[in-house]
């Protein structure tokens, strides 16, 4: 089973979460905002796994994050056989910081 760390309020996570509906035997979505245990598990993973180095460098959280049965970690939905969110309307960290409307 592939574990997916994310939050429903994240558009990338929501996009992935919709793809796994009815596929609970393949995927487990772990909402990191639902309980401190979930957040703690995610932060431990993020703090100690090089898969997040690029995300941390640009100030991104790194969700959705995929943990495979063999322990491999990825931030790419394609690695889990899912489709990546590719909307051009998504906001970047710079957009948020600059106060871009709608972000």
Protein backbone atom coordinates (compact mmCIF):
# COMPACT_ATOMS: atom_id res chain seq x y z
CA UNK A 1 0.00 0.00 0.00
CA UNK A 2 1.25 3.48 -0.85
CA UNK A 3 0.89 6.07 1.90
CA UNK A 4 0.15 9.60 0.75
CA UNK A 5 0.82 12.47 3.16
CA UNK A 6 -1.17 15.58 2.36
CA UNK A 7 -3.98 17.94 3.31
CA UNK A 8 -7.40 18.39 1.70
CA UNK A 9 -6.81 22.17 1.61
CA UNK A 10 -3.79 21.67 -0.72
CA UNK A 11 -4.96 21.77 -4.37
CA UNK A 12 -2.25 19.29 -5.42
CA UNK A 13 -3.28 16.90 -2.64
CA UNK A 14 -6.98 17.29 -3.43
CA UNK A 15 -6.28 16.44 -7.07
CA UNK A 16 -4.41 13.28 -6.05
CA UNK A 17 -6.99 12.37 -3.40
CA UNK A 18 -9.79 12.39 -5.98
CA UNK A 19 -7.82 9.88 -8.09
CA UNK A 20 -7.58 7.34 -5.27
CA UNK A 21 -11.27 7.24 -4.31
CA UNK A 22 -12.32 3.60 -4.32
CA UNK A 23 -8.70 2.44 -4.35
CA UNK A 24 -8.23 2.14 -0.58
CA UNK A 25 -6.57 -1.26 -1.07
CA UNK A 26 -3.75 0.51 -2.97
CA UNK A 27 -3.47 3.90 -1.25
CA UNK A 28 -3.82 5.40 2.21
CA UNK A 29 -4.29 9.18 2.35
CA UNK A 30 -2.94 10.58 5.60
CA UNK A 31 -4.24 14.08 6.37
CA UNK A 32 -1.34 15.76 8.17
CA UNK A 33 -3.66 18.44 9.52
CA UNK A 34 -6.15 16.03 11.07
CA UNK A 35 -3.99 15.00 14.02
CA UNK A 36 -0.66 15.99 15.52
CA UNK A 37 0.55 12.38 15.16
CA UNK A 38 0.10 12.63 11.39
CA UNK A 39 1.94 15.96 11.25
CA UNK A 40 4.73 14.61 13.43
CA UNK A 41 5.18 11.52 11.23
CA UNK A 42 5.28 13.70 8.12
CA UNK A 43 7.74 16.19 9.62
CA UNK A 44 10.07 13.37 10.69
CA UNK A 45 9.94 12.01 7.15
CA UNK A 46 10.47 15.45 5.58
CA UNK A 47 13.30 16.38 7.92
CA UNK A 48 15.24 13.18 7.30
CA UNK A 49 14.65 12.20 3.68
CA UNK A 50 16.63 13.71 0.78
CA UNK A 51 13.56 13.45 -1.48
CA UNK A 52 12.44 16.71 0.15
CA UNK A 53 15.71 18.65 -0.23
CA UNK A 54 14.59 20.55 -3.34
CA UNK A 55 11.19 21.33 -1.83
CA UNK A 56 12.76 22.67 1.35
CA UNK A 57 15.23 24.75 -0.67
CA UNK A 58 12.39 26.60 -2.41
CA UNK A 59 10.28 26.93 0.74
CA UNK A 60 7.68 24.35 -0.27
CA UNK A 61 6.06 21.93 2.17
CA UNK A 62 6.50 18.88 -0.05
CA UNK A 63 2.97 17.50 -0.20
CA UNK A 64 1.58 15.33 -1.50
CA UNK A 65 4.35 12.96 -0.48
CA UNK A 66 4.29 9.28 -1.39
CA UNK A 67 5.81 6.52 0.75
CA UNK A 68 6.05 3.16 -0.98
CA UNK A 69 6.03 -0.26 0.66
CA UNK A 70 9.78 -0.60 0.11
CA UNK A 71 10.37 2.66 2.04
CA UNK A 72 11.11 4.76 -1.04
CA UNK A 73 9.77 8.33 -0.84
CA UNK A 74 8.70 10.55 -3.73
CA UNK A 75 6.90 13.82 -4.22
CA UNK A 76 5.87 12.89 -7.75
CA UNK A 77 2.34 11.50 -8.27
CA UNK A 78 3.57 9.84 -11.47
CA UNK A 79 5.83 7.56 -9.41
CA UNK A 80 2.64 6.23 -7.78
CA UNK A 81 0.89 5.83 -11.13
CA UNK A 82 -1.21 8.97 -10.64
CA UNK A 83 -1.59 12.13 -12.67
CA UNK A 84 0.17 15.30 -11.51
CA UNK A 85 -1.74 18.53 -10.99
CA UNK A 86 -0.83 20.70 -13.95
CA UNK A 87 -3.03 23.73 -13.64
CA UNK A 88 -1.44 26.98 -14.68
CA UNK A 89 -3.62 28.81 -12.17
CA UNK A 90 -1.77 27.38 -9.14
CA UNK A 91 0.06 29.91 -7.01
CA UNK A 92 3.75 29.78 -6.24
CA UNK A 93 5.40 30.68 -2.93
CA UNK A 94 6.45 33.98 -4.52
CA UNK A 95 2.81 34.62 -5.47
CA UNK A 96 1.72 34.09 -1.87
CA UNK A 97 4.47 36.31 -0.49
CA UNK A 98 3.66 39.10 -2.93
CA UNK A 99 -0.05 38.95 -2.07
CA UNK A 100 -1.20 37.88 -5.53
CA UNK A 101 -4.98 37.93 -5.65
CA UNK A 102 -6.54 34.48 -5.36
CA UNK A 103 -3.55 32.88 -3.65
